[in-house]
Amino acid sequence: MAEGRPAFVEAMTYRIGAHSTSDDDSKYRTQQSPEAGWTSERAYWEARSPIIRFGRYLQAKGWYSVRKEEELRKAARREAIDVLNTAERVGKPDFEELFTDVWDELPW
């Protein structure tokens, strides 16, 4: 960090949520915590989240603030909505171009 260069962070994570809305994760998860003292499996793993822990570390170092994140999220949301609105005004391509970004040569 002292050199001001990018750094690579490797972190072991646990996917807390289901794969998708069609995934019933109750088939492979339990409600019980893997360790005593936690209300659920989710609470146990959220406490160990490297993303949350890293955020707390950055905040303690003064390199991150919740207020700044909220400002960035609001600005990113405004930008995304503006881009979406612009894209909606663009005409839809012809159906012949449906696979031009998928196939080099059409198989039919």
PDB file of N, CA and C in Angstrom:
ATOM      1  N   MET A   1       0.820  -1.196   0.000  1.00  0.00           N
ATOM      2  CA  MET A   1       0.000   0.000   0.000  1.00  0.00           C
ATOM      3  C   MET A   1       0.864   1.260   0.000  1.00  0.00           C
ATOM      4  N   ALA A   2       2.014   1.199   0.633  1.00  0.00           N
ATOM      5  CA  ALA A   2       2.875   2.370   0.728  1.00  0.00           C
ATOM      6  C   ALA A   2       3.352   2.831  -0.644  1.00  0.00           C
ATOM      7  N   GLU A   3       3.500   1.887  -1.594  1.00  0.00           N
ATOM      8  CA  GLU A   3       3.961   2.252  -2.933  1.00  0.00           C
ATOM      9  C   GLU A   3       2.836   2.810  -3.806  1.00  0.00           C
ATOM     10  N   GLY A   4       1.592   2.697  -3.345  1.00  0.00           N
ATOM     11  CA  GLY A   4       0.459   3.195  -4.117  1.00  0.00           C
ATOM     12  C   GLY A   4       0.166   2.350  -5.351  1.00  0.00           C
ATOM     13  N   ARG A   5       0.550   1.070  -5.309  1.00  0.00           N
ATOM     14  CA  ARG A   5       0.320   0.177  -6.444  1.00  0.00           C
ATOM     15  C   ARG A   5      -0.849  -0.749  -6.135  1.00  0.00           C
ATOM     16  N   PRO A   6      -1.456  -1.293  -7.176  1.00  0.00           N
ATOM     17  CA  PRO A   6      -2.543  -2.249  -6.945  1.00  0.00           C
ATOM     18  C   PRO A   6      -2.043  -3.465  -6.181  1.00  0.00           C
ATOM     19  N   ALA A   7      -2.942  -4.091  -5.473  1.00  0.00           N
ATOM     20  CA  ALA A   7      -2.610  -5.292  -4.715  1.00  0.00           C
ATOM     21  C   ALA A   7      -3.648  -6.365  -5.033  1.00  0.00           C
ATOM     22  N   PHE A   8      -3.231  -7.599  -4.966  1.00  0.00           N
ATOM     23  CA  PHE A   8      -4.127  -8.728  -5.187  1.00  0.00           C
ATOM     24  C   PHE A   8      -4.531  -9.286  -3.835  1.00  0.00           C
ATOM     25  N   VAL A   9      -5.831  -9.487  -3.640  1.00  0.00           N
ATOM     26  CA  VAL A   9      -6.327 -10.040  -2.390  1.00  0.00           C
ATOM     27  C   VAL A   9      -7.033 -11.354  -2.708  1.00  0.00           C
ATOM     28  N   GLU A  10      -6.591 -12.436  -2.099  1.00  0.00           N
ATOM     29  CA  GLU A  10      -7.260 -13.722  -2.247  1.00  0.00           C
ATOM     30  C   GLU A  10      -8.029 -13.981  -0.961  1.00  0.00           C
ATOM     31  N   ALA A  11      -9.293 -14.330  -1.099  1.00  0.00           N
ATOM     32  CA  ALA A  11     -10.114 -14.540   0.085  1.00  0.00           C
ATOM     33  C   ALA A  11     -11.002 -15.764  -0.109  1.00  0.00           C
ATOM     34  N   MET A  12     -11.064 -16.591   0.921  1.00  0.00           N
ATOM     35  CA  MET A  12     -11.990 -17.717   0.907  1.00  0.00           C
ATOM     36  C   MET A  12     -13.364 -17.174   1.294  1.00  0.00           C
ATOM     37  N   THR A  13     -14.351 -17.482   0.501  1.00  0.00           N
ATOM     38  CA  THR A  13     -15.692 -16.974   0.770  1.00  0.00           C
ATOM     39  C   THR A  13     -16.697 -18.113   0.841  1.00  0.00           C
ATOM     40  N   TYR A  14     -17.872 -17.781   1.284  1.00  0.00           N
ATOM     41  CA  TYR A  14     -18.972 -18.729   1.390  1.00  0.00           C
ATOM     42  C   TYR A  14     -20.188 -18.067   0.772  1.00  0.00           C
ATOM     43  N   ARG A  15     -20.796 -18.704  -0.198  1.00  0.00           N
ATOM     44  CA  ARG A  15     -21.975 -18.142  -0.844  1.00  0.00           C
ATOM     45  C   ARG A  15     -23.150 -18.290   0.111  1.00  0.00           C
ATOM     46  N   ILE A  16     -23.582 -17.186   0.664  1.00  0.00           N
ATOM     47  CA  ILE A  16     -24.632 -17.201   1.680  1.00  0.00           C
ATOM     48  C   ILE A  16     -26.005 -17.449   1.051  1.00  0.00           C
ATOM     49  N   GLY A  17     -26.239 -16.886  -0.102  1.00  0.00           N
ATOM     50  CA  GLY A  17     -27.538 -17.030  -0.738  1.00  0.00           C
ATOM     51  C   GLY A  17     -27.605 -18.209  -1.681  1.00  0.00           C
ATOM     52  N   ALA A  18     -28.787 -18.428  -2.232  1.00  0.00           N
ATOM     53  CA  ALA A  18     -28.994 -19.498  -3.205  1.00  0.00           C
ATOM     54  C   ALA A  18     -28.328 -19.128  -4.532  1.00  0.00           C
ATOM     55  N   HIS A  19     -28.169 -20.116  -5.405  1.00  0.00           N
ATOM     56  CA  HIS A  19     -27.580 -19.866  -6.721  1.00  0.00           C
ATOM     57  C   HIS A  19     -28.455 -18.925  -7.539  1.00  0.00           C
ATOM     58  N   SER A  20     -29.752 -19.121  -7.464  1.00  0.00           N
ATOM     59  CA  SER A  20     -30.705 -18.317  -8.227  1.00  0.00           C
ATOM     60  C   SER A  20     -32.069 -18.418  -7.539  1.00  0.00           C
ATOM     61  N   THR A  21     -33.040 -17.722  -8.100  1.00  0.00           N
ATOM     62  CA  THR A  21     -34.378 -17.779  -7.517  1.00  0.00           C
ATOM     63  C   THR A  21     -35.026 -19.139  -7.712  1.00  0.00           C
ATOM     64  N   SER A  22     -34.532 -19.922  -8.663  1.00  0.00           N
ATOM     65  CA  SER A  22     -35.095 -21.248  -8.874  1.00  0.00           C
ATOM     66  C   SER A  22     -34.377 -22.321  -8.054  1.00  0.00           C
ATOM     67  N   ASP A  23     -33.383 -21.915  -7.284  1.00  0.00           N
ATOM     68  CA  ASP A  23     -32.594 -22.851  -6.481  1.00  0.00           C
ATOM     69  C   ASP A  23     -33.158 -22.926  -5.069  1.00  0.00           C
ATOM     70  N   ASP A  24     -33.519 -24.114  -4.640  1.00  0.00           N
ATOM     71  CA  ASP A  24     -33.996 -24.315  -3.272  1.00  0.00           C
ATOM     72  C   ASP A  24     -32.808 -24.747  -2.420  1.00  0.00           C
ATOM     73  N   ASP A  25     -32.145 -23.770  -1.806  1.00  0.00           N
ATOM     74  CA  ASP A  25     -30.930 -24.098  -1.042  1.00  0.00           C
ATOM     75  C   ASP A  25     -31.225 -24.822   0.270  1.00  0.00           C
ATOM     76  N   SER A  26     -32.489 -24.982   0.622  1.00  0.00           N
ATOM     77  CA  SER A  26     -32.798 -25.765   1.822  1.00  0.00           C
ATOM     78  C   SER A  26     -32.484 -27.252   1.595  1.00  0.00           C
ATOM     79  N   LYS A  27     -32.271 -27.630   0.354  1.00  0.00           N
ATOM     80  CA  LYS A  27     -31.922 -29.017   0.028  1.00  0.00           C
ATOM     81  C   LYS A  27     -30.492 -29.349   0.462  1.00  0.00           C
ATOM     82  N   TYR A  28     -29.641 -28.335   0.525  1.00  0.00           N
ATOM     83  CA  TYR A  28     -28.243 -28.591   0.881  1.00  0.00           C
ATOM     84  C   TYR A  28     -27.725 -27.710   2.011  1.00  0.00           C
ATOM     85  N   ARG A  29     -28.576 -26.931   2.645  1.00  0.00           N
ATOM     86  CA  ARG A  29     -28.172 -26.113   3.787  1.00  0.00           C
ATOM     87  C   ARG A  29     -29.014 -26.477   5.006  1.00  0.00           C
ATOM     88  N   THR A  30     -28.496 -26.138   6.156  1.00  0.00           N
ATOM     89  CA  THR A  30     -29.256 -26.345   7.385  1.00  0.00           C
ATOM     90  C   THR A  30     -29.493 -24.992   8.042  1.00  0.00           C
ATOM     91  N   GLN A  31     -30.469 -24.941   8.921  1.00  0.00           N
ATOM     92  CA  GLN A  31     -30.715 -23.714   9.682  1.00  0.00           C
ATOM     93  C   GLN A  31     -29.782 -23.617  10.886  1.00  0.00           C
ATOM     94  N   GLN A  32     -29.249 -24.762  11.301  1.00  0.00           N
ATOM     95  CA  GLN A  32     -28.387 -24.776  12.476  1.00  0.00           C
ATOM     96  C   GLN A  32     -27.013 -24.198  12.132  1.00  0.00           C
ATOM     97  N   SER A  33     -26.460 -23.527  13.121  1.00  0.00           N
ATOM     98  CA  SER A  33     -25.111 -22.998  12.970  1.00  0.00           C
ATOM     99  C   SER A  33     -24.099 -24.130  13.060  1.00  0.00           C
ATOM    100  N   PRO A  34     -22.996 -24.039  12.306  1.00  0.00           N
ATOM    101  CA  PRO A  34     -21.968 -25.068  12.416  1.00  0.00           C
ATOM    102  C   PRO A  34     -21.198 -25.001  13.734  1.00  0.00           C
ATOM    103  N   GLU A  35     -21.475 -23.954  14.504  1.00  0.00           N
ATOM    104  CA  GLU A  35     -20.776 -23.770  15.780  1.00  0.00           C
ATOM    105  C   GLU A  35     -21.745 -23.163  16.788  1.00  0.00           C
ATOM    106  N   ALA A  36     -21.647 -23.556  18.018  1.00  0.00           N
ATOM    107  CA  ALA A  36     -22.527 -23.023  19.061  1.00  0.00           C
ATOM    108  C   ALA A  36     -22.315 -21.514  19.219  1.00  0.00           C
ATOM    109  N   GLY A  37     -23.377 -20.829  19.603  1.00  0.00           N
ATOM    110  CA  GLY A  37     -23.274 -19.398  19.860  1.00  0.00           C
ATOM    111  C   GLY A  37     -23.793 -18.533  18.721  1.00  0.00           C
ATOM    112  N   TRP A  38     -24.258 -19.139  17.648  1.00  0.00           N
ATOM    113  CA  TRP A  38     -24.777 -18.388  16.505  1.00  0.00           C
ATOM    114  C   TRP A  38     -26.232 -18.787  16.292  1.00  0.00           C
ATOM    115  N   THR A  39     -27.033 -17.840  15.836  1.00  0.00           N
ATOM    116  CA  THR A  39     -28.464 -18.097  15.663  1.00  0.00           C
ATOM    117  C   THR A  39     -28.774 -18.941  14.428  1.00  0.00           C
ATOM    118  N   SER A  40     -27.892 -18.901  13.431  1.00  0.00           N
ATOM    119  CA  SER A  40     -28.134 -19.656  12.197  1.00  0.00           C
ATOM    120  C   SER A  40     -26.829 -19.853  11.442  1.00  0.00           C
ATOM    121  N   GLU A  41     -26.899 -20.712  10.441  1.00  0.00           N
ATOM    122  CA  GLU A  41     -25.741 -20.910   9.568  1.00  0.00           C
ATOM    123  C   GLU A  41     -25.366 -19.598   8.876  1.00  0.00           C
ATOM    124  N   ARG A  42     -26.389 -18.862   8.436  1.00  0.00           N
ATOM    125  CA  ARG A  42     -26.150 -17.582   7.749  1.00  0.00           C
ATOM    126  C   ARG A  42     -25.422 -16.591   8.657  1.00  0.00           C
ATOM    127  N   ALA A  43     -25.872 -16.446   9.892  1.00  0.00           N
ATOM    128  CA  ALA A  43     -25.230 -15.514  10.828  1.00  0.00           C
ATOM    129  C   ALA A  43     -23.774 -15.905  11.068  1.00  0.00           C
ATOM    130  N   TYR A  44     -23.534 -17.201  11.182  1.00  0.00           N
ATOM    131  CA  TYR A  44     -22.173 -17.700  11.386  1.00  0.00           C
ATOM    132  C   TYR A  44     -21.260 -17.268  10.248  1.00  0.00           C
ATOM    133  N   TRP A  45     -21.717 -17.468   9.009  1.00  0.00           N
ATOM    134  CA  TRP A  45     -20.873 -17.148   7.859  1.00  0.00           C
ATOM    135  C   TRP A  45     -20.808 -15.653   7.576  1.00  0.00           C
ATOM    136  N   GLU A  46     -21.879 -14.906   7.833  1.00  0.00           N
ATOM    137  CA  GLU A  46     -21.819 -13.456   7.631  1.00  0.00           C
ATOM    138  C   GLU A  46     -20.769 -12.823   8.535  1.00  0.00           C
ATOM    139  N   ALA A  47     -20.612 -13.361   9.746  1.00  0.00           N
ATOM    140  CA  ALA A  47     -19.608 -12.834  10.671  1.00  0.00           C
ATOM    141  C   ALA A  47     -18.190 -13.075  10.154  1.00  0.00           C
ATOM    142  N   ARG A  48     -18.031 -14.033   9.270  1.00  0.00           N
ATOM    143  CA  ARG A  48     -16.718 -14.366   8.719  1.00  0.00           C
ATOM    144  C   ARG A  48     -16.515 -13.836   7.306  1.00  0.00           C
ATOM    145  N   SER A  49     -17.451 -13.074   6.802  1.00  0.00           N
ATOM    146  CA  SER A  49     -17.380 -12.574   5.434  1.00  0.00           C
ATOM    147  C   SER A  49     -16.115 -11.763   5.205  1.00  0.00           C
ATOM    148  N   PRO A  50     -15.266 -12.168   4.252  1.00  0.00           N
ATOM    149  CA  PRO A  50     -14.056 -11.394   3.995  1.00  0.00           C
ATOM    150  C   PRO A  50     -14.372 -10.011   3.437  1.00  0.00           C
ATOM    151  N   ILE A  51     -15.507  -9.872   2.784  1.00  0.00           N
ATOM    152  CA  ILE A  51     -15.870  -8.562   2.245  1.00  0.00           C
ATOM    153  C   ILE A  51     -16.185  -7.601   3.389  1.00  0.00           C
ATOM    154  N   ILE A  52     -16.985  -8.058   4.336  1.00  0.00           N
ATOM    155  CA  ILE A  52     -17.320  -7.221   5.493  1.00  0.00           C
ATOM    156  C   ILE A  52     -16.078  -6.945   6.333  1.00  0.00           C
ATOM    157  N   ARG A  53     -15.288  -7.986   6.579  1.00  0.00           N
ATOM    158  CA  ARG A  53     -14.072  -7.818   7.381  1.00  0.00           C
ATOM    159  C   ARG A  53     -13.097  -6.859   6.701  1.00  0.00           C
ATOM    160  N   PHE A  54     -12.941  -6.969   5.388  1.00  0.00           N
ATOM    161  CA  PHE A  54     -12.035  -6.082   4.663  1.00  0.00           C
ATOM    162  C   PHE A  54     -12.548  -4.645   4.718  1.00  0.00           C
ATOM    163  N   GLY A  55     -13.859  -4.479   4.611  1.00  0.00           N
ATOM    164  CA  GLY A  55     -14.441  -3.138   4.728  1.00  0.00           C
ATOM    165  C   GLY A  55     -14.155  -2.513   6.085  1.00  0.00           C
ATOM    166  N   ARG A  56     -14.262  -3.308   7.144  1.00  0.00           N
ATOM    167  CA  ARG A  56     -13.957  -2.798   8.494  1.00  0.00           C
ATOM    168  C   ARG A  56     -12.481  -2.421   8.615  1.00  0.00           C
ATOM    169  N   TYR A  57     -11.617  -3.230   8.012  1.00  0.00           N
ATOM    170  CA  TYR A  57     -10.180  -2.936   8.021  1.00  0.00           C
ATOM    171  C   TYR A  57      -9.896  -1.619   7.300  1.00  0.00           C
ATOM    172  N   LEU A  58     -10.480  -1.452   6.108  1.00  0.00           N
ATOM    173  CA  LEU A  58     -10.273  -0.212   5.350  1.00  0.00           C
ATOM    174  C   LEU A  58     -10.803   0.996   6.106  1.00  0.00           C
ATOM    175  N   GLN A  59     -11.930   0.818   6.776  1.00  0.00           N
ATOM    176  CA  GLN A  59     -12.522   1.901   7.553  1.00  0.00           C
ATOM    177  C   GLN A  59     -11.612   2.266   8.730  1.00  0.00           C
ATOM    178  N   ALA A  60     -11.048   1.268   9.409  1.00  0.00           N
ATOM    179  CA  ALA A  60     -10.154   1.523  10.539  1.00  0.00           C
ATOM    180  C   ALA A  60      -8.899   2.257  10.091  1.00  0.00           C
ATOM    181  N   LYS A  61      -8.457   1.998   8.864  1.00  0.00           N
ATOM    182  CA  LYS A  61      -7.267   2.663   8.327  1.00  0.00           C
ATOM    183  C   LYS A  61      -7.592   4.055   7.783  1.00  0.00           C
ATOM    184  N   GLY A  62      -8.878   4.387   7.703  1.00  0.00           N
ATOM    185  CA  GLY A  62      -9.278   5.678   7.166  1.00  0.00           C
ATOM    186  C   GLY A  62      -9.302   5.701   5.646  1.00  0.00           C
ATOM    187  N   TRP A  63      -9.310   4.535   5.019  1.00  0.00           N
ATOM    188  CA  TRP A  63      -9.294   4.448   3.561  1.00  0.00           C
ATOM    189  C   TRP A  63     -10.680   4.246   2.972  1.00  0.00           C
ATOM    190  N   TYR A  64     -11.687   4.166   3.815  1.00  0.00           N
ATOM    191  CA  TYR A  64     -13.047   3.885   3.375  1.00  0.00           C
ATOM    192  C   TYR A  64     -14.011   4.554   4.329  1.00  0.00           C
ATOM    193  N   SER A  65     -15.124   5.043   3.779  1.00  0.00           N
ATOM    194  CA  SER A  65     -16.173   5.557   4.650  1.00  0.00           C
ATOM    195  C   SER A  65     -17.536   5.160   4.091  1.00  0.00           C
ATOM    196  N   VAL A  66     -18.455   4.883   4.978  1.00  0.00           N
ATOM    197  CA  VAL A  66     -19.807   4.494   4.590  1.00  0.00           C
ATOM    198  C   VAL A  66     -20.463   5.644   3.826  1.00  0.00           C
ATOM    199  N   ARG A  67     -20.238   6.867   4.281  1.00  0.00           N
ATOM    200  CA  ARG A  67     -20.822   8.033   3.614  1.00  0.00           C
ATOM    201  C   ARG A  67     -20.354   8.124   2.164  1.00  0.00           C
ATOM    202  N   LYS A  68     -19.066   7.926   1.933  1.00  0.00           N
ATOM    203  CA  LYS A  68     -18.523   7.993   0.579  1.00  0.00           C
ATOM    204  C   LYS A  68     -19.093   6.864  -0.280  1.00  0.00           C
ATOM    205  N   GLU A  69     -19.228   5.683   0.299  1.00  0.00           N
ATOM    206  CA  GLU A  69     -19.806   4.569  -0.450  1.00  0.00           C
ATOM    207  C   GLU A  69     -21.239   4.886  -0.855  1.00  0.00           C
ATOM    208  N   GLU A  70     -22.006   5.470   0.058  1.00  0.00           N
ATOM    209  CA  GLU A  70     -23.389   5.830  -0.268  1.00  0.00           C
ATOM    210  C   GLU A  70     -23.432   6.838  -1.411  1.00  0.00           C
ATOM    211  N   GLU A  71     -22.522   7.821  -1.377  1.00  0.00           N
ATOM    212  CA  GLU A  71     -22.448   8.808  -2.461  1.00  0.00           C
ATOM    213  C   GLU A  71     -22.102   8.127  -3.787  1.00  0.00           C
ATOM    214  N   LEU A  72     -21.125   7.219  -3.759  1.00  0.00           N
ATOM    215  CA  LEU A  72     -20.718   6.516  -4.974  1.00  0.00           C
ATOM    216  C   LEU A  72     -21.846   5.637  -5.511  1.00  0.00           C
ATOM    217  N   ARG A  73     -22.555   4.974  -4.599  1.00  0.00           N
ATOM    218  CA  ARG A  73     -23.680   4.124  -5.031  1.00  0.00           C
ATOM    219  C   ARG A  73     -24.781   4.967  -5.679  1.00  0.00           C
ATOM    220  N   LYS A  74     -25.087   6.113  -5.089  1.00  0.00           N
ATOM    221  CA  LYS A  74     -26.114   6.993  -5.663  1.00  0.00           C
ATOM    222  C   LYS A  74     -25.690   7.498  -7.039  1.00  0.00           C
ATOM    223  N   ALA A  75     -24.420   7.893  -7.162  1.00  0.00           N
ATOM    224  CA  ALA A  75     -23.918   8.384  -8.446  1.00  0.00           C
ATOM    225  C   ALA A  75     -23.927   7.261  -9.488  1.00  0.00           C
ATOM    226  N   ALA A  76     -23.529   6.057  -9.096  1.00  0.00           N
ATOM    227  CA  ALA A  76     -23.519   4.923 -10.020  1.00  0.00           C
ATOM    228  C   ALA A  76     -24.937   4.572 -10.446  1.00  0.00           C
ATOM    229  N   ARG A  77     -25.868   4.647  -9.513  1.00  0.00           N
ATOM    230  CA  ARG A  77     -27.277   4.357  -9.847  1.00  0.00           C
ATOM    231  C   ARG A  77     -27.813   5.388 -10.838  1.00  0.00           C
ATOM    232  N   ARG A  78     -27.515   6.669 -10.596  1.00  0.00           N
ATOM    233  CA  ARG A  78     -27.961   7.721 -11.524  1.00  0.00           C
ATOM    234  C   ARG A  78     -27.382   7.485 -12.912  1.00  0.00           C
ATOM    235  N   GLU A  79     -26.086   7.155 -12.961  1.00  0.00           N
ATOM    236  CA  GLU A  79     -25.430   6.901 -14.244  1.00  0.00           C
ATOM    237  C   GLU A  79     -26.053   5.693 -14.942  1.00  0.00           C
ATOM    238  N   ALA A  80     -26.311   4.621 -14.203  1.00  0.00           N
ATOM    239  CA  ALA A  80     -26.909   3.423 -14.791  1.00  0.00           C
ATOM    240  C   ALA A  80     -28.294   3.718 -15.346  1.00  0.00           C
ATOM    241  N   ILE A  81     -29.079   4.499 -14.624  1.00  0.00           N
ATOM    242  CA  ILE A  81     -30.429   4.845 -15.090  1.00  0.00           C
ATOM    243  C   ILE A  81     -30.341   5.710 -16.336  1.00  0.00           C
ATOM    244  N   ASP A  82     -29.401   6.667 -16.354  1.00  0.00           N
ATOM    245  CA  ASP A  82     -29.222   7.510 -17.543  1.00  0.00           C
ATOM    246  C   ASP A  82     -28.839   6.680 -18.762  1.00  0.00           C
ATOM    247  N   VAL A  83     -27.907   5.752 -18.578  1.00  0.00           N
ATOM    248  CA  VAL A  83     -27.471   4.899 -19.685  1.00  0.00           C
ATOM    249  C   VAL A  83     -28.607   3.998 -20.144  1.00  0.00           C
ATOM    250  N   LEU A  84     -29.364   3.454 -19.189  1.00  0.00           N
ATOM    251  CA  LEU A  84     -30.502   2.609 -19.540  1.00  0.00           C
ATOM    252  C   LEU A  84     -31.536   3.397 -20.340  1.00  0.00           C
ATOM    253  N   ASN A  85     -31.829   4.610 -19.905  1.00  0.00           N
ATOM    254  CA  ASN A  85     -32.790   5.443 -20.623  1.00  0.00           C
ATOM    255  C   ASN A  85     -32.303   5.751 -22.038  1.00  0.00           C
ATOM    256  N   THR A  86     -31.013   6.021 -22.198  1.00  0.00           N
ATOM    257  CA  THR A  86     -30.443   6.267 -23.517  1.00  0.00           C
ATOM    258  C   THR A  86     -30.555   5.019 -24.384  1.00  0.00           C
ATOM    259  N   ALA A  87     -30.237   3.868 -23.813  1.00  0.00           N
ATOM    260  CA  ALA A  87     -30.295   2.609 -24.567  1.00  0.00           C
ATOM    261  C   ALA A  87     -31.721   2.286 -24.998  1.00  0.00           C
ATOM    262  N   GLU A  88     -32.692   2.625 -24.189  1.00  0.00           N
ATOM    263  CA  GLU A  88     -34.082   2.338 -24.537  1.00  0.00           C
ATOM    264  C   GLU A  88     -34.555   3.170 -25.727  1.00  0.00           C
ATOM    265  N   ARG A  89     -33.909   4.307 -25.954  1.00  0.00           N
ATOM    266  CA  ARG A  89     -34.280   5.157 -27.084  1.00  0.00           C
ATOM    267  C   ARG A  89     -33.672   4.675 -28.404  1.00  0.00           C
ATOM    268  N   VAL A  90     -32.688   3.810 -28.324  1.00  0.00           N
ATOM    269  CA  VAL A  90     -32.050   3.278 -29.527  1.00  0.00           C
ATOM    270  C   VAL A  90     -32.942   2.186 -30.102  1.00  0.00           C
ATOM    271  N   GLY A  91     -33.092   2.181 -31.415  1.00  0.00           N
ATOM    272  CA  GLY A  91     -33.929   1.170 -32.045  1.00  0.00           C
ATOM    273  C   GLY A  91     -33.368  -0.232 -31.866  1.00  0.00           C
ATOM    274  N   LYS A  92     -34.245  -1.198 -31.900  1.00  0.00           N
ATOM    275  CA  LYS A  92     -33.818  -2.587 -31.767  1.00  0.00           C
ATOM    276  C   LYS A  92     -33.196  -3.048 -33.084  1.00  0.00           C
ATOM    277  N   PRO A  93     -32.177  -3.886 -33.017  1.00  0.00           N
ATOM    278  CA  PRO A  93     -31.547  -4.378 -34.249  1.00  0.00           C
ATOM    279  C   PRO A  93     -32.474  -5.367 -34.981  1.00  0.00           C
ATOM    280  N   ASP A  94     -32.179  -5.599 -36.247  1.00  0.00           N
ATOM    281  CA  ASP A  94     -32.935  -6.586 -37.012  1.00  0.00           C
ATOM    282  C   ASP A  94     -32.689  -7.974 -36.436  1.00  0.00           C
ATOM    283  N   PHE A  95     -33.668  -8.860 -36.599  1.00  0.00           N
ATOM    284  CA  PHE A  95     -33.531 -10.205 -36.033  1.00  0.00           C
ATOM    285  C   PHE A  95     -32.367 -10.962 -36.675  1.00  0.00           C
ATOM    286  N   GLU A  96     -31.945 -10.590 -37.894  1.00  0.00           N
ATOM    287  CA  GLU A  96     -30.824 -11.269 -38.541  1.00  0.00           C
ATOM    288  C   GLU A  96     -29.526 -11.097 -37.743  1.00  0.00           C
ATOM    289  N   GLU A  97     -29.468 -10.080 -36.929  1.00  0.00           N
ATOM    290  CA  GLU A  97     -28.259  -9.813 -36.153  1.00  0.00           C
ATOM    291  C   GLU A  97     -28.279 -10.454 -34.766  1.00  0.00           C
ATOM    292  N   LEU A  98     -29.287 -11.261 -34.509  1.00  0.00           N
ATOM    293  CA  LEU A  98     -29.456 -11.872 -33.197  1.00  0.00           C
ATOM    294  C   LEU A  98     -28.250 -12.697 -32.762  1.00  0.00           C
ATOM    295  N   PHE A  99     -27.592 -13.390 -33.716  1.00  0.00           N
ATOM    296  CA  PHE A  99     -26.492 -14.281 -33.368  1.00  0.00           C
ATOM    297  C   PHE A  99     -25.123 -13.765 -33.824  1.00  0.00           C
ATOM    298  N   THR A 100     -25.038 -12.543 -34.290  1.00  0.00           N
ATOM    299  CA  THR A 100     -23.755 -12.063 -34.829  1.00  0.00           C
ATOM    300  C   THR A 100     -22.660 -11.989 -33.779  1.00  0.00           C
ATOM    301  N   ASP A 101     -23.016 -11.828 -32.518  1.00  0.00           N
ATOM    302  CA  ASP A 101     -22.015 -11.798 -31.444  1.00  0.00           C
ATOM    303  C   ASP A 101     -21.848 -13.160 -30.782  1.00  0.00           C
ATOM    304  N   VAL A 102     -22.517 -14.178 -31.318  1.00  0.00           N
ATOM    305  CA  VAL A 102     -22.467 -15.513 -30.734  1.00  0.00           C
ATOM    306  C   VAL A 102     -21.682 -16.459 -31.629  1.00  0.00           C
ATOM    307  N   TRP A 103     -21.959 -16.423 -32.914  1.00  0.00           N
ATOM    308  CA  TRP A 103     -21.364 -17.355 -33.875  1.00  0.00           C
ATOM    309  C   TRP A 103     -20.448 -16.600 -34.841  1.00  0.00           C
ATOM    310  N   ASP A 104     -19.288 -17.196 -35.128  1.00  0.00           N
ATOM    311  CA  ASP A 104     -18.414 -16.653 -36.154  1.00  0.00           C
ATOM    312  C   ASP A 104     -19.040 -16.931 -37.516  1.00  0.00           C
ATOM    313  N   GLU A 105     -19.453 -18.202 -37.701  1.00  0.00           N
ATOM    314  CA  GLU A 105     -20.184 -18.602 -38.900  1.00  0.00           C
ATOM    315  C   GLU A 105     -21.457 -19.289 -38.417  1.00  0.00           C
ATOM    316  N   LEU A 106     -22.585 -18.843 -38.937  1.00  0.00           N
ATOM    317  CA  LEU A 106     -23.848 -19.424 -38.504  1.00  0.00           C
ATOM    318  C   LEU A 106     -23.927 -20.887 -38.925  1.00  0.00           C
ATOM    319  N   PRO A 107     -24.357 -21.783 -38.024  1.00  0.00           N
ATOM    320  CA  PRO A 107     -24.382 -23.203 -38.327  1.00  0.00           C
ATOM    321  C   PRO A 107     -25.539 -23.645 -39.212  1.00  0.00           C
ATOM    322  N   TRP A 108     -26.393 -22.759 -39.628  1.00  0.00           N
ATOM    323  CA  TRP A 108     -27.511 -23.141 -40.477  1.00  0.00           C
ATOM    324  C   TRP A 108     -27.487 -22.414 -41.797  1.00  0.00           C
TER     325      TRP A 108
END
